């Protein structure tokens, strides 16, 4: 919905600011602070790719490994034209906390390539995937660093990457990467996992707030994988979703699509491209109001689900949130700035922070990793059942900490995550 780093916005500075606040609260020693507020390793590389027209273009690629005290690094690979090293650093740090708050035996990593897949042929995308793996093949692996899909990457990209890795090392290593196609080492339920995980946490929050899903209205930002499956499960619980939003590649801006009596997921999916972009004309013909991109945040709803990119709820627009809103579930990574957090706290809005709300993706990735490494695969219901149990346990742990220590949910989640990682570093004798 927005670039990874909007004007004047630095995701890594924000991630460090969030960390520093909790590090002071936990009274971490200086060495532990220094270790955890910076990535342990970074790889920056150039990828020369021969294009279909015979020319060669050089793309910038990254892999950042924030901390692996609790286990192998884990995190997605983004293809985005406005990707930056600082965005990747921030996301790798958030992945460390996300894995820790979900109590997974993993650390945090993130990767990216500065490119727009929209303007690349499938052959060019394949060359980019294989080039990325060649650049970091000796620094990733099933027991060191396990990548996954992220913004504008998918199962096909992961399979090309896996194939290249297996060519280099001469064996079969399905545990190298997650988000693979089902039948090629991928897990059933992975597609739904992040969106469903968001709604599992919403369900638990509603129990605490005395809200009944069937009596609630939600407004959603985004219409990619996370948003679509969050809408699907939310509606299955009986709730009503009145709007979604999506990025229009042609206009280079976002639009909100509203239907006050509730969006029809099946209808919207038929007019959506593979990147989650909704056809404006078809939507209007189907009775949807086409509103500006930020309109989602102003809707008269009980629940807001930001499920697009970072920096979506800011100090400038937080004041536009309807007085009716009681709950915000962050499906996206880093959608709320610290300035906006202050506004939401003052308003008494219950916020399920990103690295708890959207941990369903990495939790199911962990389940895929386990299945791949033991070469034994579970049925979909078993995967989603395990996901529900793990997400519910993580939510309850954070909520209990928030109540016990009188903390905002984000601070409670950080407190649990950072304490777990700091303890692992101490137990290993690093600090």
Protein backbone atom coordinates (compact mmCIF):
# COMPACT_ATOMS: atom_id res chain seq x y z
CA UNK A 1 0.00 0.00 0.00
CA UNK A 2 3.01 2.25 0.54
CA UNK A 3 6.68 1.95 -0.18
CA UNK A 4 8.82 0.04 2.32
CA UNK A 5 10.28 3.35 3.41
CA UNK A 6 8.08 6.37 2.92
CA UNK A 7 9.54 9.88 2.79
CA UNK A 8 11.35 10.66 6.03
CA UNK A 9 10.61 7.22 7.45
CA UNK A 10 13.34 4.81 8.48
CA UNK A 11 12.04 1.37 9.48
CA UNK A 12 15.29 0.35 11.17
CA UNK A 13 15.40 3.50 13.31
CA UNK A 14 11.82 2.71 14.34
CA UNK A 15 12.72 -0.91 15.16
CA UNK A 16 15.67 0.24 17.28
CA UNK A 17 13.49 2.84 19.03
CA UNK A 18 10.99 0.12 19.95
CA UNK A 19 13.81 -2.14 21.16
CA UNK A 20 15.53 0.58 23.24
CA UNK A 21 12.32 1.32 25.15
CA UNK A 22 11.91 -2.31 26.22
CA UNK A 23 15.64 -2.87 26.79
CA UNK A 24 15.58 -0.03 29.33
CA UNK A 25 12.45 -1.47 30.93
CA UNK A 26 14.15 -4.89 31.23
CA UNK A 27 17.37 -3.20 32.47
CA UNK A 28 19.51 -5.11 29.96
CA UNK A 29 23.26 -4.63 30.30
CA UNK A 30 25.07 -2.53 27.70
CA UNK A 31 26.69 -5.47 25.88
CA UNK A 32 23.35 -7.26 25.43
CA UNK A 33 21.76 -4.02 24.17
CA UNK A 34 24.52 -3.52 21.61
CA UNK A 35 24.30 -7.14 20.47
CA UNK A 36 20.53 -7.09 20.00
CA UNK A 37 20.02 -3.65 18.49
CA UNK A 38 22.21 -4.49 15.45
CA UNK A 39 22.21 -7.48 13.06
CA UNK A 40 24.89 -10.11 13.67
CA UNK A 41 25.61 -10.47 9.94
CA UNK A 42 24.69 -8.69 6.71
CA UNK A 43 25.28 -9.62 3.08
CA UNK A 44 24.94 -7.00 0.33
CA UNK A 45 25.55 -8.10 -3.23
CA UNK A 46 25.14 -7.16 -6.89
CA UNK A 47 23.25 -9.52 -9.20
CA UNK A 48 24.06 -9.13 -12.92
CA UNK A 49 21.13 -10.58 -14.87
CA UNK A 50 20.89 -11.04 -18.64
CA UNK A 51 17.50 -9.72 -19.68
CA UNK A 52 15.26 -11.09 -22.44
CA UNK A 53 16.40 -8.36 -24.85
CA UNK A 54 20.04 -9.45 -24.45
CA UNK A 55 21.08 -6.52 -22.23
CA UNK A 56 22.49 -6.99 -18.71
CA UNK A 57 20.95 -5.29 -15.69
CA UNK A 58 22.54 -5.24 -12.25
CA UNK A 59 20.17 -5.64 -9.29
CA UNK A 60 20.97 -5.00 -5.61
CA UNK A 61 20.35 -7.88 -3.22
CA UNK A 62 20.46 -8.30 0.55
CA UNK A 63 20.36 -10.92 3.29
CA UNK A 64 20.43 -9.79 6.92
CA UNK A 65 20.76 -12.24 9.83
CA UNK A 66 19.77 -10.41 12.99
CA UNK A 67 20.23 -13.01 15.73
CA UNK A 68 20.45 -16.81 15.83
CA UNK A 69 20.84 -17.46 19.56
CA UNK A 70 17.54 -19.41 19.67
CA UNK A 71 17.97 -21.29 16.39
CA UNK A 72 18.50 -20.91 12.62
CA UNK A 73 17.64 -17.52 11.13
CA UNK A 74 14.20 -17.39 9.53
CA UNK A 75 12.65 -14.76 7.31
CA UNK A 76 11.29 -13.88 3.93
CA UNK A 77 12.75 -12.52 0.71
CA UNK A 78 11.08 -9.42 -0.77
CA UNK A 79 11.15 -8.24 -4.36
CA UNK A 80 10.28 -4.54 -4.21
CA UNK A 81 11.43 -1.54 -6.28
CA UNK A 82 11.87 0.62 -3.16
CA UNK A 83 13.58 -1.98 -0.97
CA UNK A 84 16.35 -0.59 1.23
CA UNK A 85 19.02 -2.08 3.47
CA UNK A 86 17.41 -0.40 6.48
CA UNK A 87 14.02 -1.94 5.71
CA UNK A 88 15.61 -5.39 5.53
CA UNK A 89 17.51 -4.75 8.79
CA UNK A 90 14.29 -3.72 10.55
CA UNK A 91 12.36 -6.71 9.25
CA UNK A 92 15.13 -9.11 10.30
CA UNK A 93 15.01 -7.68 13.83
CA UNK A 94 11.20 -7.95 13.92
CA UNK A 95 11.53 -11.57 12.77
CA UNK A 96 13.76 -12.32 15.78
CA UNK A 97 11.09 -10.97 18.13
CA UNK A 98 8.30 -12.66 16.17
CA UNK A 99 9.92 -16.10 16.41
CA UNK A 100 10.64 -15.54 20.11
CA UNK A 101 7.13 -14.35 21.02
CA UNK A 102 5.69 -17.39 19.20
CA UNK A 103 8.22 -19.49 21.16
CA UNK A 104 9.73 -20.99 18.00
CA UNK A 105 13.34 -22.34 18.09
CA UNK A 106 14.40 -19.85 15.40
CA UNK A 107 16.17 -16.52 15.01
CA UNK A 108 15.40 -13.61 12.69
CA UNK A 109 16.54 -12.95 9.14
CA UNK A 110 15.30 -11.12 6.07
CA UNK A 111 16.28 -10.75 2.44
CA UNK A 112 15.40 -8.66 -0.55
CA UNK A 113 16.11 -7.57 -4.09
CA UNK A 114 15.52 -4.07 -5.40
CA UNK A 115 13.27 -4.84 -8.38
CA UNK A 116 9.69 -4.77 -9.63
CA UNK A 117 8.53 -8.29 -10.56
CA UNK A 118 5.62 -6.67 -12.46
CA UNK A 119 8.08 -5.55 -15.13
CA UNK A 120 10.11 -8.79 -15.30
CA UNK A 121 9.35 -11.87 -17.38
CA UNK A 122 9.17 -15.26 -15.66
CA UNK A 123 12.58 -16.17 -17.12
CA UNK A 124 14.09 -12.95 -15.75
CA UNK A 125 12.53 -13.60 -12.33
CA UNK A 126 13.95 -17.12 -12.36
CA UNK A 127 17.42 -15.79 -13.18
CA UNK A 128 17.11 -13.32 -10.31
CA UNK A 129 16.09 -16.08 -7.86
CA UNK A 130 18.96 -18.32 -8.89
CA UNK A 131 21.42 -15.41 -8.78
CA UNK A 132 20.29 -14.48 -5.25
CA UNK A 133 20.93 -18.03 -4.04
CA UNK A 134 24.36 -18.21 -5.69
CA UNK A 135 25.32 -15.01 -3.87
CA UNK A 136 24.51 -16.38 -0.40
CA UNK A 137 24.55 -20.18 -0.83
CA UNK A 138 27.29 -20.67 1.75
CA UNK A 139 25.57 -18.43 4.29
CA UNK A 140 22.10 -20.04 4.25
CA UNK A 141 20.93 -23.62 4.79
CA UNK A 142 18.47 -25.90 6.65
CA UNK A 143 20.37 -25.52 9.93
CA UNK A 144 21.69 -21.96 9.52
CA UNK A 145 19.24 -19.65 7.72
CA UNK A 146 15.91 -20.65 6.17
CA UNK A 147 14.34 -18.11 3.75
CA UNK A 148 10.66 -17.88 2.74
CA UNK A 149 8.37 -15.81 0.46
CA UNK A 150 7.49 -12.23 1.32
CA UNK A 151 6.23 -9.18 -0.57
CA UNK A 152 5.93 -10.00 -4.30
CA UNK A 153 7.60 -13.41 -4.04
CA UNK A 154 5.78 -16.74 -4.13
CA UNK A 155 6.07 -20.54 -4.09
CA UNK A 156 7.53 -20.67 -7.60
CA UNK A 157 10.33 -18.28 -6.64
CA UNK A 158 11.11 -20.45 -3.60
CA UNK A 159 11.27 -23.61 -5.72
CA UNK A 160 13.73 -22.01 -8.16
CA UNK A 161 15.86 -20.97 -5.19
CA UNK A 162 15.73 -24.46 -3.68
CA UNK A 163 16.63 -26.04 -7.02
CA UNK A 164 19.66 -23.76 -7.42
CA UNK A 165 20.84 -24.54 -3.87
CA UNK A 166 20.49 -28.29 -4.49
CA UNK A 167 22.46 -27.97 -7.76
CA UNK A 168 25.27 -26.22 -5.90
CA UNK A 169 25.51 -28.74 -3.05
CA UNK A 170 24.51 -31.89 -4.93
CA UNK A 171 21.72 -33.21 -2.71
CA UNK A 172 18.11 -32.78 -1.66
CA UNK A 173 17.58 -30.13 1.02
CA UNK A 174 13.82 -29.39 1.21
CA UNK A 175 14.35 -27.81 4.66
CA UNK A 176 16.42 -25.01 3.09
CA UNK A 177 13.41 -22.85 2.31
CA UNK A 178 9.72 -22.65 3.21
CA UNK A 179 6.68 -21.49 1.29
CA UNK A 180 7.39 -24.16 -1.35
CA UNK A 181 4.60 -25.58 -3.55
CA UNK A 182 2.60 -28.36 -1.92
CA UNK A 183 3.89 -31.61 -3.41
CA UNK A 184 7.42 -30.23 -3.58
CA UNK A 185 8.00 -30.09 0.16
CA UNK A 186 5.49 -27.34 0.93
CA UNK A 187 3.02 -27.57 3.80
CA UNK A 188 -0.73 -27.74 3.47
CA UNK A 189 -2.27 -24.72 5.22
CA UNK A 190 0.73 -22.44 4.56
CA UNK A 191 -1.21 -20.23 2.13
CA UNK A 192 -3.89 -19.46 4.72
CA UNK A 193 -1.59 -19.39 7.76
CA UNK A 194 -0.77 -15.69 8.19
CA UNK A 195 -4.29 -14.41 7.56
CA UNK A 196 -5.85 -17.15 9.67
CA UNK A 197 -3.32 -16.47 12.44
CA UNK A 198 -4.38 -12.81 12.52
CA UNK A 199 -8.00 -13.87 13.03
CA UNK A 200 -7.10 -16.48 15.68
CA UNK A 201 -5.63 -13.61 17.73
CA UNK A 202 -8.63 -11.36 16.98
CA UNK A 203 -10.92 -14.13 18.24
CA UNK A 204 -8.98 -14.35 21.51
CA UNK A 205 -8.88 -10.55 21.92
CA UNK A 206 -12.65 -10.37 21.40
CA UNK A 207 -13.14 -12.88 24.22
CA UNK A 208 -11.22 -10.53 26.53
CA UNK A 209 -13.07 -7.44 25.32
CA UNK A 210 -16.51 -9.07 25.52
CA UNK A 211 -17.09 -8.67 21.78
CA UNK A 212 -19.04 -11.17 19.71
CA UNK A 213 -17.57 -11.64 16.20
CA UNK A 214 -21.02 -11.88 14.60
CA UNK A 215 -21.86 -8.39 15.89
CA UNK A 216 -18.71 -6.71 14.58
CA UNK A 217 -17.62 -4.83 11.47
CA UNK A 218 -14.03 -4.75 10.19
CA UNK A 219 -12.12 -2.55 7.73
CA UNK A 220 -9.08 -4.11 6.06
CA UNK A 221 -6.08 -2.48 4.41
CA UNK A 222 -4.63 -4.60 1.62
CA UNK A 223 -5.90 -7.46 -0.51
CA UNK A 224 -2.86 -9.67 -0.80
CA UNK A 225 -2.51 -13.13 0.69
CA UNK A 226 -2.71 -12.02 4.34
CA UNK A 227 -5.74 -9.77 3.87
CA UNK A 228 -7.68 -12.26 1.73
CA UNK A 229 -7.42 -15.11 4.22
CA UNK A 230 -8.02 -12.81 7.19
CA UNK A 231 -11.26 -11.68 5.50
CA UNK A 232 -12.17 -15.30 4.75
CA UNK A 233 -11.85 -16.53 8.35
CA UNK A 234 -13.30 -13.34 9.86
CA UNK A 235 -16.43 -13.79 7.75
CA UNK A 236 -16.53 -17.48 8.70
CA UNK A 237 -16.64 -16.40 12.37
CA UNK A 238 -19.69 -14.31 11.47
CA UNK A 239 -18.08 -10.88 11.24
CA UNK A 240 -18.69 -8.38 8.44
CA UNK A 241 -15.89 -6.77 6.40
CA UNK A 242 -16.97 -3.51 4.75
CA UNK A 243 -13.83 -2.58 2.84
CA UNK A 244 -10.44 -3.69 1.54
CA UNK A 245 -7.79 -1.67 -0.25
CA UNK A 246 -5.22 -2.43 -2.92
CA UNK A 247 -2.33 -0.91 -4.83
CA UNK A 248 -2.93 0.09 -8.45
CA UNK A 249 0.28 -0.45 -10.41
CA UNK A 250 -0.89 1.67 -13.36
CA UNK A 251 -1.84 4.69 -11.24
CA UNK A 252 0.97 4.06 -8.73
CA UNK A 253 -1.38 4.64 -5.82
CA UNK A 254 -3.80 2.78 -3.57
CA UNK A 255 -7.60 2.67 -3.57
CA UNK A 256 -10.12 1.52 -0.98
CA UNK A 257 -13.07 -0.59 -2.14
CA UNK A 258 -16.10 -0.32 0.14
CA UNK A 259 -19.42 -2.16 0.30
CA UNK A 260 -21.36 -1.25 3.43
CA UNK A 261 -23.40 -4.44 3.49
CA UNK A 262 -20.17 -6.49 3.38
CA UNK A 263 -17.61 -7.36 0.71
CA UNK A 264 -18.03 -10.55 -1.30
CA UNK A 265 -14.65 -12.28 -1.17
CA UNK A 266 -15.34 -14.64 -4.10
CA UNK A 267 -16.42 -11.74 -6.35
CA UNK A 268 -13.40 -9.60 -5.43
CA UNK A 269 -10.97 -12.46 -6.00
CA UNK A 270 -12.22 -12.84 -9.57
CA UNK A 271 -11.22 -9.25 -10.35
CA UNK A 272 -7.85 -9.34 -8.58
CA UNK A 273 -4.44 -9.89 -10.17
CA UNK A 274 -1.79 -12.18 -8.66
CA UNK A 275 -0.24 -9.26 -6.76
CA UNK A 276 -3.52 -8.40 -4.99
CA UNK A 277 -4.43 -5.48 -7.28
CA UNK A 278 -8.20 -5.04 -7.73
CA UNK A 279 -9.61 -3.89 -11.09
CA UNK A 280 -11.27 -0.52 -10.36
CA UNK A 281 -13.77 -0.65 -13.20
CA UNK A 282 -14.93 -4.18 -12.44
CA UNK A 283 -15.24 -3.31 -8.75
CA UNK A 284 -17.34 -0.23 -9.51
CA UNK A 285 -19.55 -2.29 -11.85
CA UNK A 286 -20.03 -4.82 -9.02
CA UNK A 287 -21.37 -2.10 -6.72
CA UNK A 288 -18.23 -1.17 -4.78
CA UNK A 289 -17.44 2.44 -3.90
CA UNK A 290 -13.91 3.26 -5.08
CA UNK A 291 -12.39 5.58 -2.47
CA UNK A 292 -8.89 7.01 -1.86
CA UNK A 293 -6.27 4.60 -0.52
CA UNK A 294 -6.32 5.94 3.05
CA UNK A 295 -10.11 5.75 3.37
CA UNK A 296 -9.90 2.31 5.04
CA UNK A 297 -8.62 3.92 8.25
CA UNK A 298 -11.61 6.27 8.55
CA UNK A 299 -14.35 3.63 8.35
CA UNK A 300 -17.05 3.22 11.00
CA UNK A 301 -15.87 -0.19 12.18
CA UNK A 302 -15.13 -2.11 15.37
CA UNK A 303 -11.91 -3.67 14.06
CA UNK A 304 -9.14 -2.37 11.80
CA UNK A 305 -6.79 -4.85 10.12
CA UNK A 306 -3.80 -3.14 8.46
CA UNK A 307 -2.47 -5.95 6.25
CA UNK A 308 -0.31 -4.20 3.66
CA UNK A 309 3.10 -2.54 4.19
CA UNK A 310 4.88 -0.53 6.90
CA UNK A 311 4.14 2.97 8.11
CA UNK A 312 0.37 2.88 7.48
CA UNK A 313 -0.93 4.24 10.79
CA UNK A 314 1.01 7.40 11.65
CA UNK A 315 0.84 10.36 14.00
CA UNK A 316 -0.79 12.28 11.13
CA UNK A 317 -3.64 9.89 10.30
CA UNK A 318 -4.28 8.13 13.65
CA UNK A 319 -6.67 10.92 14.58
CA UNK A 320 -8.92 9.90 11.67
CA UNK A 321 -9.71 6.52 13.25
CA UNK A 322 -13.41 6.21 14.08
CA UNK A 323 -14.45 6.44 17.74
CA UNK A 324 -16.16 3.06 17.23
CA UNK A 325 -12.86 1.21 16.73
CA UNK A 326 -11.97 -0.97 19.73
CA UNK A 327 -9.44 -3.37 18.24
CA UNK A 328 -6.56 -3.17 15.75
CA UNK A 329 -4.84 -6.36 14.54
CA UNK A 330 -1.61 -5.68 12.68
CA UNK A 331 -1.47 -8.12 9.79
CA UNK A 332 1.38 -6.17 8.19
CA UNK A 333 4.91 -5.72 9.52
CA UNK A 334 5.47 -2.39 11.27
CA UNK A 335 2.23 -0.68 10.18
CA UNK A 336 2.02 1.59 13.24
CA UNK A 337 4.62 4.25 14.06
CA UNK A 338 5.57 5.01 17.68
CA UNK A 339 3.81 8.39 17.37
CA UNK A 340 0.58 6.65 16.35
CA UNK A 341 1.01 4.15 19.19
CA UNK A 342 0.74 7.02 21.69
CA UNK A 343 -2.56 8.10 20.12
CA UNK A 344 -3.94 4.52 20.20
CA UNK A 345 -2.91 4.08 23.85
CA UNK A 346 -4.62 7.33 24.82
CA UNK A 347 -7.74 6.19 23.00
CA UNK A 348 -7.69 2.86 24.83
CA UNK A 349 -7.72 0.89 21.57
CA UNK A 350 -6.62 -2.72 22.03
CA UNK A 351 -3.74 -3.36 19.60
CA UNK A 352 -2.53 -6.85 18.70
CA UNK A 353 1.05 -6.03 17.62
CA UNK A 354 2.38 -7.15 14.27
CA UNK A 355 4.90 -9.70 15.44
CA UNK A 356 2.20 -11.48 17.43
CA UNK A 357 -0.78 -10.97 15.09
CA UNK A 358 1.00 -12.04 11.90
CA UNK A 359 3.18 -14.75 13.46
CA UNK A 360 0.94 -17.39 11.85
CA UNK A 361 3.09 -17.25 8.72
CA UNK A 362 6.38 -17.98 10.42
CA UNK A 363 4.71 -20.51 12.74
CA UNK A 364 3.44 -22.47 9.75
CA UNK A 365 6.83 -22.00 8.06
CA UNK A 366 8.38 -23.63 11.11
CA UNK A 367 5.87 -26.49 10.79
CA UNK A 368 6.83 -26.81 7.10
CA UNK A 369 10.51 -26.80 8.03
CA UNK A 370 9.91 -29.61 10.55
CA UNK A 371 7.97 -31.64 7.97
CA UNK A 372 10.61 -31.11 5.27
CA UNK A 373 13.49 -32.05 7.55
CA UNK A 374 11.82 -35.29 8.65
CA UNK A 375 10.36 -35.95 5.17
CA UNK A 376 6.90 -36.64 6.61
CA UNK A 377 3.91 -34.41 5.88
CA UNK A 378 0.70 -33.76 7.84
CA UNK A 379 -2.87 -33.25 6.60
CA UNK A 380 -4.18 -29.68 6.36
CA UNK A 381 -6.47 -29.93 9.41
CA UNK A 382 -3.55 -31.11 11.54
CA UNK A 383 -1.37 -28.20 10.39
CA UNK A 384 -4.09 -25.59 11.00
CA UNK A 385 -4.94 -27.20 14.34
CA UNK A 386 -1.32 -26.94 15.49
CA UNK A 387 -1.25 -23.34 14.21
CA UNK A 388 -4.37 -22.43 16.20
CA UNK A 389 -2.96 -23.93 19.40
CA UNK A 390 0.41 -22.16 18.99
CA UNK A 391 -1.09 -18.77 18.09
CA UNK A 392 -3.60 -18.96 20.95
CA UNK A 393 -0.85 -19.88 23.44
CA UNK A 394 1.31 -16.97 22.25
CA UNK A 395 -1.61 -14.51 22.51
CA UNK A 396 -2.51 -15.66 26.04
CA UNK A 397 1.12 -15.36 27.21
CA UNK A 398 1.34 -11.77 25.91
CA UNK A 399 -2.07 -10.81 27.25
CA UNK A 400 -1.28 -12.24 30.69
CA UNK A 401 2.00 -10.31 30.78
CA UNK A 402 0.23 -7.11 29.70
CA UNK A 403 -2.31 -7.45 32.51
CA UNK A 404 0.21 -8.52 35.15
CA UNK A 405 2.70 -5.73 34.39
CA UNK A 406 0.09 -3.16 33.27
CA UNK A 407 1.69 -2.87 29.84
CA UNK A 408 0.38 -2.04 26.36
CA UNK A 409 0.17 -5.28 24.31
CA UNK A 410 3.06 -4.27 22.05
CA UNK A 411 5.31 -3.62 25.06
CA UNK A 412 4.25 -6.91 26.65
CA UNK A 413 5.04 -8.82 23.45
CA UNK A 414 8.44 -7.11 23.19
CA UNK A 415 9.14 -7.82 26.85
CA UNK A 416 8.56 -11.55 26.38
CA UNK A 417 10.44 -11.75 23.07
CA UNK A 418 13.48 -9.67 24.01
CA UNK A 419 13.82 -11.37 27.40
CA UNK A 420 13.83 -14.80 25.70
CA UNK A 421 16.47 -13.80 23.15
CA UNK A 422 18.63 -12.00 25.73
CA UNK A 423 18.50 -15.09 27.96
CA UNK A 424 19.55 -17.33 25.04
CA UNK A 425 22.53 -15.04 24.32
CA UNK A 426 23.48 -15.13 28.01
CA UNK A 427 23.08 -18.91 28.26
CA UNK A 428 25.38 -19.35 25.26
CA UNK A 429 28.01 -17.19 26.92
CA UNK A 430 27.87 -14.47 24.25
CA UNK A 431 27.35 -11.67 26.77
